[in-house]
Amino acid sequence: MSSDWAEEAEQQAKAMTRDLVEVGRTKGFRVTYQRREARFMLRAGTVTTYFSAHDYDGPRGMDWLRLRIDVLMSARPGLAESHVEPAGLGPAPH
């Protein structure tokens, strides 16, 4: 993916982190974009959840809204187990 796209992805990740703070989450919730793996990582305390960028890339480009909804839903109490993988053991890059 191009560097312009990666910069947009990093900005989106920062915005998602800001959204988590604004909706009342405690410290320790953070969304980052991992360029090499082309995935977003939600760190919620000790739980890490990965979202492949390829899963959200469609014929009309990146579906940022769907990604944001999935990240925010995953951060909800009781739902964090849905996409969880141990840190460092995420899916193989495409």
PDB file of N, CA and C in Angstrom:
ATOM      1  N   MET A   1       0.849  -1.175   0.000  1.00  0.00           N
ATOM      2  CA  MET A   1       0.000   0.000   0.000  1.00  0.00           C
ATOM      3  C   MET A   1       0.894   1.236   0.000  1.00  0.00           C
ATOM      4  N   SER A   2       0.441   2.281  -0.633  1.00  0.00           N
ATOM      5  CA  SER A   2       1.265   3.466  -0.814  1.00  0.00           C
ATOM      6  C   SER A   2       1.513   4.195   0.504  1.00  0.00           C
ATOM      7  N   SER A   3       2.545   5.036   0.473  1.00  0.00           N
ATOM      8  CA  SER A   3       2.872   5.776   1.696  1.00  0.00           C
ATOM      9  C   SER A   3       1.798   6.813   2.018  1.00  0.00           C
ATOM     10  N   ASP A   4       1.135   7.380   0.989  1.00  0.00           N
ATOM     11  CA  ASP A   4       0.027   8.307   1.257  1.00  0.00           C
ATOM     12  C   ASP A   4      -1.095   7.589   1.996  1.00  0.00           C
ATOM     13  N   TRP A   5      -1.379   6.367   1.558  1.00  0.00           N
ATOM     14  CA  TRP A   5      -2.426   5.581   2.205  1.00  0.00           C
ATOM     15  C   TRP A   5      -2.015   5.264   3.641  1.00  0.00           C
ATOM     16  N   ALA A   6      -0.746   4.924   3.841  1.00  0.00           N
ATOM     17  CA  ALA A   6      -0.261   4.595   5.185  1.00  0.00           C
ATOM     18  C   ALA A   6      -0.354   5.808   6.109  1.00  0.00           C
ATOM     19  N   GLU A   7      -0.065   6.993   5.582  1.00  0.00           N
ATOM     20  CA  GLU A   7      -0.202   8.203   6.398  1.00  0.00           C
ATOM     21  C   GLU A   7      -1.659   8.422   6.797  1.00  0.00           C
ATOM     22  N   GLU A   8      -2.569   8.206   5.854  1.00  0.00           N
ATOM     23  CA  GLU A   8      -4.000   8.318   6.161  1.00  0.00           C
ATOM     24  C   GLU A   8      -4.393   7.288   7.217  1.00  0.00           C
ATOM     25  N   ALA A   9      -3.860   6.071   7.100  1.00  0.00           N
ATOM     26  CA  ALA A   9      -4.164   5.014   8.065  1.00  0.00           C
ATOM     27  C   ALA A   9      -3.691   5.403   9.462  1.00  0.00           C
ATOM     28  N   GLU A  10      -2.506   5.988   9.553  1.00  0.00           N
ATOM     29  CA  GLU A  10      -1.996   6.421  10.854  1.00  0.00           C
ATOM     30  C   GLU A  10      -2.852   7.542  11.440  1.00  0.00           C
ATOM     31  N   GLN A  11      -3.318   8.462  10.601  1.00  0.00           N
ATOM     32  CA  GLN A  11      -4.200   9.528  11.078  1.00  0.00           C
ATOM     33  C   GLN A  11      -5.526   8.952  11.562  1.00  0.00           C
ATOM     34  N   GLN A  12      -6.047   7.977  10.841  1.00  0.00           N
ATOM     35  CA  GLN A  12      -7.299   7.336  11.248  1.00  0.00           C
ATOM     36  C   GLN A  12      -7.120   6.612  12.586  1.00  0.00           C
ATOM     37  N   ALA A  13      -5.979   5.947  12.766  1.00  0.00           N
ATOM     38  CA  ALA A  13      -5.714   5.240  14.023  1.00  0.00           C
ATOM     39  C   ALA A  13      -5.673   6.224  15.192  1.00  0.00           C
ATOM     40  N   LYS A  14      -5.028   7.368  14.993  1.00  0.00           N
ATOM     41  CA  LYS A  14      -4.986   8.390  16.047  1.00  0.00           C
ATOM     42  C   LYS A  14      -6.386   8.905  16.354  1.00  0.00           C
ATOM     43  N   ALA A  15      -7.185   9.089  15.314  1.00  0.00           N
ATOM     44  CA  ALA A  15      -8.555   9.570  15.516  1.00  0.00           C
ATOM     45  C   ALA A  15      -9.380   8.538  16.287  1.00  0.00           C
ATOM     46  N   MET A  16      -9.172   7.250  16.001  1.00  0.00           N
ATOM     47  CA  MET A  16      -9.898   6.206  16.731  1.00  0.00           C
ATOM     48  C   MET A  16      -9.484   6.183  18.196  1.00  0.00           C
ATOM     49  N   THR A  17      -8.192   6.387  18.465  1.00  0.00           N
ATOM     50  CA  THR A  17      -7.722   6.459  19.851  1.00  0.00           C
ATOM     51  C   THR A  17      -8.398   7.630  20.557  1.00  0.00           C
ATOM     52  N   ARG A  18      -8.459   8.772  19.887  1.00  0.00           N
ATOM     53  CA  ARG A  18      -9.124   9.951  20.453  1.00  0.00           C
ATOM     54  C   ARG A  18     -10.603   9.657  20.720  1.00  0.00           C
ATOM     55  N   ASP A  19     -11.260   8.960  19.789  1.00  0.00           N
ATOM     56  CA  ASP A  19     -12.670   8.591  19.985  1.00  0.00           C
ATOM     57  C   ASP A  19     -12.846   7.726  21.226  1.00  0.00           C
ATOM     58  N   LEU A  20     -11.945   6.782  21.436  1.00  0.00           N
ATOM     59  CA  LEU A  20     -12.037   5.912  22.609  1.00  0.00           C
ATOM     60  C   LEU A  20     -11.922   6.715  23.897  1.00  0.00           C
ATOM     61  N   VAL A  21     -11.037   7.693  23.914  1.00  0.00           N
ATOM     62  CA  VAL A  21     -10.871   8.538  25.095  1.00  0.00           C
ATOM     63  C   VAL A  21     -12.127   9.373  25.318  1.00  0.00           C
ATOM     64  N   GLU A  22     -12.691   9.908  24.231  1.00  0.00           N
ATOM     65  CA  GLU A  22     -13.864  10.774  24.347  1.00  0.00           C
ATOM     66  C   GLU A  22     -15.109  10.033  24.807  1.00  0.00           C
ATOM     67  N   VAL A  23     -15.214   8.741  24.521  1.00  0.00           N
ATOM     68  CA  VAL A  23     -16.406   8.000  24.947  1.00  0.00           C
ATOM     69  C   VAL A  23     -16.234   7.395  26.332  1.00  0.00           C
ATOM     70  N   GLY A  24     -15.178   7.796  27.035  1.00  0.00           N
ATOM     71  CA  GLY A  24     -15.061   7.431  28.439  1.00  0.00           C
ATOM     72  C   GLY A  24     -14.197   6.234  28.763  1.00  0.00           C
ATOM     73  N   ARG A  25     -13.416   5.773  27.831  1.00  0.00           N
ATOM     74  CA  ARG A  25     -12.520   4.652  28.126  1.00  0.00           C
ATOM     75  C   ARG A  25     -11.378   5.132  29.015  1.00  0.00           C
ATOM     76  N   THR A  26     -10.841   4.217  29.779  1.00  0.00           N
ATOM     77  CA  THR A  26      -9.731   4.569  30.653  1.00  0.00           C
ATOM     78  C   THR A  26      -8.425   4.521  29.881  1.00  0.00           C
ATOM     79  N   LYS A  27      -7.367   4.953  30.523  1.00  0.00           N
ATOM     80  CA  LYS A  27      -6.052   4.901  29.889  1.00  0.00           C
ATOM     81  C   LYS A  27      -5.711   3.461  29.535  1.00  0.00           C
ATOM     82  N   GLY A  28      -4.876   3.316  28.529  1.00  0.00           N
ATOM     83  CA  GLY A  28      -4.463   1.985  28.115  1.00  0.00           C
ATOM     84  C   GLY A  28      -5.155   1.520  26.847  1.00  0.00           C
ATOM     85  N   PHE A  29      -6.111   2.274  26.343  1.00  0.00           N
ATOM     86  CA  PHE A  29      -6.768   1.957  25.084  1.00  0.00           C
ATOM     87  C   PHE A  29      -6.086   2.766  23.992  1.00  0.00           C
ATOM     88  N   ARG A  30      -5.586   2.072  22.976  1.00  0.00           N
ATOM     89  CA  ARG A  30      -4.855   2.762  21.912  1.00  0.00           C
ATOM     90  C   ARG A  30      -5.005   1.997  20.613  1.00  0.00           C
ATOM     91  N   VAL A  31      -5.155   2.724  19.521  1.00  0.00           N
ATOM     92  CA  VAL A  31      -5.211   2.124  18.191  1.00  0.00           C
ATOM     93  C   VAL A  31      -3.984   2.596  17.427  1.00  0.00           C
ATOM     94  N   THR A  32      -3.260   1.665  16.834  1.00  0.00           N
ATOM     95  CA  THR A  32      -2.103   2.009  16.013  1.00  0.00           C
ATOM     96  C   THR A  32      -2.207   1.279  14.683  1.00  0.00           C
ATOM     97  N   TYR A  33      -1.515   1.816  13.681  1.00  0.00           N
ATOM     98  CA  TYR A  33      -1.452   1.161  12.379  1.00  0.00           C
ATOM     99  C   TYR A  33      -0.063   0.568  12.224  1.00  0.00           C
ATOM    100  N   GLN A  34      -0.004  -0.705  11.876  1.00  0.00           N
ATOM    101  CA  GLN A  34       1.270  -1.393  11.675  1.00  0.00           C
ATOM    102  C   GLN A  34       1.486  -1.538  10.169  1.00  0.00           C
ATOM    103  N   ARG A  35       2.378  -0.709   9.627  1.00  0.00           N
ATOM    104  CA  ARG A  35       2.598  -0.669   8.178  1.00  0.00           C
ATOM    105  C   ARG A  35       3.038  -2.010   7.609  1.00  0.00           C
ATOM    106  N   ARG A  36       3.993  -2.621   8.235  1.00  0.00           N
ATOM    107  CA  ARG A  36       4.556  -3.859   7.681  1.00  0.00           C
ATOM    108  C   ARG A  36       3.500  -4.955   7.548  1.00  0.00           C
ATOM    109  N   GLU A  37       2.632  -5.065   8.541  1.00  0.00           N
ATOM    110  CA  GLU A  37       1.598  -6.095   8.530  1.00  0.00           C
ATOM    111  C   GLU A  37       0.310  -5.619   7.863  1.00  0.00           C
ATOM    112  N   ALA A  38       0.220  -4.329   7.542  1.00  0.00           N
ATOM    113  CA  ALA A  38      -0.987  -3.720   6.954  1.00  0.00           C
ATOM    114  C   ALA A  38      -2.210  -4.053   7.798  1.00  0.00           C
ATOM    115  N   ARG A  39      -2.098  -3.731   9.093  1.00  0.00           N
ATOM    116  CA  ARG A  39      -3.213  -4.004  10.000  1.00  0.00           C
ATOM    117  C   ARG A  39      -3.269  -2.938  11.083  1.00  0.00           C
ATOM    118  N   PHE A  40      -4.449  -2.825  11.652  1.00  0.00           N
ATOM    119  CA  PHE A  40      -4.666  -1.931  12.780  1.00  0.00           C
ATOM    120  C   PHE A  40      -4.661  -2.771  14.041  1.00  0.00           C
ATOM    121  N   MET A  41      -4.119  -2.205  15.109  1.00  0.00           N
ATOM    122  CA  MET A  41      -4.032  -2.926  16.366  1.00  0.00           C
ATOM    123  C   MET A  41      -4.730  -2.109  17.446  1.00  0.00           C
ATOM    124  N   LEU A  42      -5.693  -2.730  18.106  1.00  0.00           N
ATOM    125  CA  LEU A  42      -6.358  -2.122  19.257  1.00  0.00           C
ATOM    126  C   LEU A  42      -5.762  -2.754  20.494  1.00  0.00           C
ATOM    127  N   ARG A  43      -5.135  -1.928  21.311  1.00  0.00           N
ATOM    128  CA  ARG A  43      -4.606  -2.404  22.584  1.00  0.00           C
ATOM    129  C   ARG A  43      -5.522  -1.867  23.667  1.00  0.00           C
ATOM    130  N   ALA A  44      -6.165  -2.782  24.370  1.00  0.00           N
ATOM    131  CA  ALA A  44      -7.114  -2.422  25.423  1.00  0.00           C
ATOM    132  C   ALA A  44      -6.647  -3.078  26.709  1.00  0.00           C
ATOM    133  N   GLY A  45      -5.814  -2.361  27.445  1.00  0.00           N
ATOM    134  CA  GLY A  45      -5.234  -2.944  28.650  1.00  0.00           C
ATOM    135  C   GLY A  45      -4.272  -4.050  28.255  1.00  0.00           C
ATOM    136  N   THR A  46      -4.569  -5.283  28.665  1.00  0.00           N
ATOM    137  CA  THR A  46      -3.700  -6.416  28.339  1.00  0.00           C
ATOM    138  C   THR A  46      -4.191  -7.191  27.125  1.00  0.00           C
ATOM    139  N   VAL A  47      -5.300  -6.771  26.533  1.00  0.00           N
ATOM    140  CA  VAL A  47      -5.880  -7.463  25.383  1.00  0.00           C
ATOM    141  C   VAL A  47      -5.496  -6.731  24.102  1.00  0.00           C
ATOM    142  N   THR A  48      -5.050  -7.489  23.106  1.00  0.00           N
ATOM    143  CA  THR A  48      -4.694  -6.924  21.813  1.00  0.00           C
ATOM    144  C   THR A  48      -5.584  -7.532  20.744  1.00  0.00           C
ATOM    145  N   THR A  49      -6.153  -6.681  19.905  1.00  0.00           N
ATOM    146  CA  THR A  49      -7.032  -7.114  18.829  1.00  0.00           C
ATOM    147  C   THR A  49      -6.510  -6.542  17.522  1.00  0.00           C
ATOM    148  N   TYR A  50      -6.476  -7.374  16.478  1.00  0.00           N
ATOM    149  CA  TYR A  50      -5.971  -6.951  15.178  1.00  0.00           C
ATOM    150  C   TYR A  50      -7.096  -6.860  14.156  1.00  0.00           C
ATOM    151  N   PHE A  51      -6.980  -5.878  13.263  1.00  0.00           N
ATOM    152  CA  PHE A  51      -7.924  -5.680  12.173  1.00  0.00           C
ATOM    153  C   PHE A  51      -7.114  -5.517  10.893  1.00  0.00           C
ATOM    154  N   SER A  52      -7.187  -6.493  10.005  1.00  0.00           N
ATOM    155  CA  SER A  52      -6.434  -6.437   8.756  1.00  0.00           C
ATOM    156  C   SER A  52      -6.969  -5.324   7.868  1.00  0.00           C
ATOM    157  N   ALA A  53      -6.083  -4.494   7.361  1.00  0.00           N
ATOM    158  CA  ALA A  53      -6.501  -3.416   6.464  1.00  0.00           C
ATOM    159  C   ALA A  53      -7.122  -3.982   5.198  1.00  0.00           C
ATOM    160  N   HIS A  54      -6.675  -5.149   4.772  1.00  0.00           N
ATOM    161  CA  HIS A  54      -7.200  -5.769   3.550  1.00  0.00           C
ATOM    162  C   HIS A  54      -8.673  -6.149   3.697  1.00  0.00           C
ATOM    163  N   ASP A  55      -9.110  -6.421   4.914  1.00  0.00           N
ATOM    164  CA  ASP A  55     -10.516  -6.774   5.141  1.00  0.00           C
ATOM    165  C   ASP A  55     -11.452  -5.589   4.913  1.00  0.00           C
ATOM    166  N   TYR A  56     -10.931  -4.390   4.959  1.00  0.00           N
ATOM    167  CA  TYR A  56     -11.751  -3.185   4.846  1.00  0.00           C
ATOM    168  C   TYR A  56     -11.529  -2.444   3.529  1.00  0.00           C
ATOM    169  N   ASP A  57     -10.685  -2.984   2.677  1.00  0.00           N
ATOM    170  CA  ASP A  57     -10.393  -2.368   1.389  1.00  0.00           C
ATOM    171  C   ASP A  57     -11.321  -2.965   0.346  1.00  0.00           C
ATOM    172  N   GLY A  58     -12.203  -2.154  -0.201  1.00  0.00           N
ATOM    173  CA  GLY A  58     -13.184  -2.634  -1.165  1.00  0.00           C
ATOM    174  C   GLY A  58     -13.006  -1.992  -2.526  1.00  0.00           C
ATOM    175  N   PRO A  59     -13.944  -2.227  -3.423  1.00  0.00           N
ATOM    176  CA  PRO A  59     -13.845  -1.680  -4.778  1.00  0.00           C
ATOM    177  C   PRO A  59     -13.870  -0.150  -4.818  1.00  0.00           C
ATOM    178  N   ARG A  60     -14.439   0.474  -3.795  1.00  0.00           N
ATOM    179  CA  ARG A  60     -14.483   1.941  -3.742  1.00  0.00           C
ATOM    180  C   ARG A  60     -13.429   2.507  -2.799  1.00  0.00           C
ATOM    181  N   GLY A  61     -12.467   1.719  -2.432  1.00  0.00           N
ATOM    182  CA  GLY A  61     -11.423   2.182  -1.528  1.00  0.00           C
ATOM    183  C   GLY A  61     -11.652   1.684  -0.115  1.00  0.00           C
ATOM    184  N   MET A  62     -10.937   2.279   0.798  1.00  0.00           N
ATOM    185  CA  MET A  62     -10.978   1.866   2.196  1.00  0.00           C
ATOM    186  C   MET A  62     -12.299   2.271   2.845  1.00  0.00           C
ATOM    187  N   ASP A  63     -12.892   1.332   3.580  1.00  0.00           N
ATOM    188  CA  ASP A  63     -14.141   1.601   4.301  1.00  0.00           C
ATOM    189  C   ASP A  63     -13.783   1.991   5.736  1.00  0.00           C
ATOM    190  N   TRP A  64     -13.413   3.260   5.907  1.00  0.00           N
ATOM    191  CA  TRP A  64     -12.966   3.744   7.211  1.00  0.00           C
ATOM    192  C   TRP A  64     -14.076   3.685   8.242  1.00  0.00           C
ATOM    193  N   LEU A  65     -15.301   3.929   7.834  1.00  0.00           N
ATOM    194  CA  LEU A  65     -16.416   3.910   8.780  1.00  0.00           C
ATOM    195  C   LEU A  65     -16.623   2.516   9.358  1.00  0.00           C
ATOM    196  N   ARG A  66     -16.614   1.495   8.515  1.00  0.00           N
ATOM    197  CA  ARG A  66     -16.791   0.121   8.996  1.00  0.00           C
ATOM    198  C   ARG A  66     -15.658  -0.277   9.938  1.00  0.00           C
ATOM    199  N   LEU A  67     -14.430   0.110   9.588  1.00  0.00           N
ATOM    200  CA  LEU A  67     -13.285  -0.179  10.453  1.00  0.00           C
ATOM    201  C   LEU A  67     -13.462   0.503  11.809  1.00  0.00           C
ATOM    202  N   ARG A  68     -13.834   1.776  11.795  1.00  0.00           N
ATOM    203  CA  ARG A  68     -14.008   2.521  13.048  1.00  0.00           C
ATOM    204  C   ARG A  68     -15.092   1.888  13.914  1.00  0.00           C
ATOM    205  N   ILE A  69     -16.200   1.500  13.294  1.00  0.00           N
ATOM    206  CA  ILE A  69     -17.288   0.853  14.037  1.00  0.00           C
ATOM    207  C   ILE A  69     -16.804  -0.451  14.652  1.00  0.00           C
ATOM    208  N   ASP A  70     -16.082  -1.266  13.877  1.00  0.00           N
ATOM    209  CA  ASP A  70     -15.584  -2.542  14.396  1.00  0.00           C
ATOM    210  C   ASP A  70     -14.614  -2.335  15.558  1.00  0.00           C
ATOM    211  N   VAL A  71     -13.731  -1.344  15.446  1.00  0.00           N
ATOM    212  CA  VAL A  71     -12.775  -1.066  16.523  1.00  0.00           C
ATOM    213  C   VAL A  71     -13.510  -0.619  17.780  1.00  0.00           C
ATOM    214  N   LEU A  72     -14.437   0.318  17.629  1.00  0.00           N
ATOM    215  CA  LEU A  72     -15.166   0.814  18.799  1.00  0.00           C
ATOM    216  C   LEU A  72     -16.027  -0.272  19.428  1.00  0.00           C
ATOM    217  N   MET A  73     -16.651  -1.113  18.612  1.00  0.00           N
ATOM    218  CA  MET A  73     -17.461  -2.219  19.150  1.00  0.00           C
ATOM    219  C   MET A  73     -16.577  -3.222  19.888  1.00  0.00           C
ATOM    220  N   SER A  74     -15.399  -3.461  19.361  1.00  0.00           N
ATOM    221  CA  SER A  74     -14.490  -4.410  19.991  1.00  0.00           C
ATOM    222  C   SER A  74     -14.000  -3.907  21.347  1.00  0.00           C
ATOM    223  N   ALA A  75     -13.948  -2.594  21.510  1.00  0.00           N
ATOM    224  CA  ALA A  75     -13.475  -2.009  22.770  1.00  0.00           C
ATOM    225  C   ALA A  75     -14.543  -2.012  23.849  1.00  0.00           C
ATOM    226  N   ARG A  76     -15.779  -2.334  23.474  1.00  0.00           N
ATOM    227  CA  ARG A  76     -16.861  -2.357  24.467  1.00  0.00           C
ATOM    228  C   ARG A  76     -16.642  -3.495  25.455  1.00  0.00           C
ATOM    229  N   PRO A  77     -16.981  -3.285  26.721  1.00  0.00           N
ATOM    230  CA  PRO A  77     -16.834  -4.349  27.721  1.00  0.00           C
ATOM    231  C   PRO A  77     -17.620  -5.589  27.310  1.00  0.00           C
ATOM    232  N   GLY A  78     -16.975  -6.740  27.457  1.00  0.00           N
ATOM    233  CA  GLY A  78     -17.629  -8.000  27.131  1.00  0.00           C
ATOM    234  C   GLY A  78     -17.490  -8.406  25.682  1.00  0.00           C
ATOM    235  N   LEU A  79     -17.090  -7.489  24.809  1.00  0.00           N
ATOM    236  CA  LEU A  79     -16.940  -7.817  23.396  1.00  0.00           C
ATOM    237  C   LEU A  79     -15.481  -7.899  22.984  1.00  0.00           C
ATOM    238  N   ALA A  80     -14.576  -7.584  23.884  1.00  0.00           N
ATOM    239  CA  ALA A  80     -13.162  -7.552  23.534  1.00  0.00           C
ATOM    240  C   ALA A  80     -12.622  -8.918  23.148  1.00  0.00           C
ATOM    241  N   GLU A  81     -13.322  -9.989  23.500  1.00  0.00           N
ATOM    242  CA  GLU A  81     -12.818 -11.323  23.196  1.00  0.00           C
ATOM    243  C   GLU A  81     -13.068 -11.740  21.750  1.00  0.00           C
ATOM    244  N   SER A  82     -13.835 -10.980  20.986  1.00  0.00           N
ATOM    245  CA  SER A  82     -14.265 -11.419  19.662  1.00  0.00           C
ATOM    246  C   SER A  82     -13.139 -11.546  18.638  1.00  0.00           C
ATOM    247  N   HIS A  83     -12.182 -10.634  18.574  1.00  0.00           N
ATOM    248  CA  HIS A  83     -11.105 -10.688  17.592  1.00  0.00           C
ATOM    249  C   HIS A  83      -9.739 -10.828  18.267  1.00  0.00           C
ATOM    250  N   VAL A  84      -9.694 -11.313  19.469  1.00  0.00           N
ATOM    251  CA  VAL A  84      -8.478 -11.270  20.274  1.00  0.00           C
ATOM    252  C   VAL A  84      -7.461 -12.299  19.814  1.00  0.00           C
ATOM    253  N   GLU A  85      -6.227 -11.840  19.753  1.00  0.00           N
ATOM    254  CA  GLU A  85      -5.092 -12.713  19.518  1.00  0.00           C
ATOM    255  C   GLU A  85      -3.996 -12.255  20.463  1.00  0.00           C
ATOM    256  N   PRO A  86      -3.216 -13.177  20.999  1.00  0.00           N
ATOM    257  CA  PRO A  86      -2.137 -12.763  21.890  1.00  0.00           C
ATOM    258  C   PRO A  86      -1.183 -11.807  21.179  1.00  0.00           C
ATOM    259  N   ALA A  87      -0.662 -10.843  21.906  1.00  0.00           N
ATOM    260  CA  ALA A  87       0.251  -9.863  21.319  1.00  0.00           C
ATOM    261  C   ALA A  87       1.424 -10.562  20.653  1.00  0.00           C
ATOM    262  N   GLY A  88       1.756 -10.120  19.455  1.00  0.00           N
ATOM    263  CA  GLY A  88       2.878 -10.690  18.728  1.00  0.00           C
ATOM    264  C   GLY A  88       2.546 -11.956  17.966  1.00  0.00           C
ATOM    265  N   LEU A  89       1.360 -12.502  18.134  1.00  0.00           N
ATOM    266  CA  LEU A  89       0.994 -13.737  17.452  1.00  0.00           C
ATOM    267  C   LEU A  89      -0.163 -13.506  16.484  1.00  0.00           C
ATOM    268  N   GLY A  90      -0.196 -12.339  15.884  1.00  0.00           N
ATOM    269  CA  GLY A  90      -1.270 -11.994  14.963  1.00  0.00           C
ATOM    270  C   GLY A  90      -1.214 -12.824  13.699  1.00  0.00           C
ATOM    271  N   PRO A  91      -2.189 -12.647  12.841  1.00  0.00           N
ATOM    272  CA  PRO A  91      -2.236 -13.415  11.604  1.00  0.00           C
ATOM    273  C   PRO A  91      -1.049 -13.093  10.712  1.00  0.00           C
ATOM    274  N   ALA A  92      -0.704 -14.016   9.872  1.00  0.00           N
ATOM    275  CA  ALA A  92       0.411 -13.814   8.957  1.00  0.00           C
ATOM    276  C   ALA A  92       0.064 -12.697   7.984  1.00  0.00           C
ATOM    277  N   PRO A  93       1.027 -11.840   7.641  1.00  0.00           N
ATOM    278  CA  PRO A  93       0.751 -10.772   6.683  1.00  0.00           C
ATOM    279  C   PRO A  93       0.409 -11.353   5.318  1.00  0.00           C
ATOM    280  N   HIS A  94      -0.357 -10.611   4.543  1.00  0.00           N
ATOM    281  CA  HIS A  94      -0.777 -11.065   3.212  1.00  0.00           C
ATOM    282  C   HIS A  94       0.268 -10.759   2.190  1.00  0.00           C
TER     283      HIS A  94
END
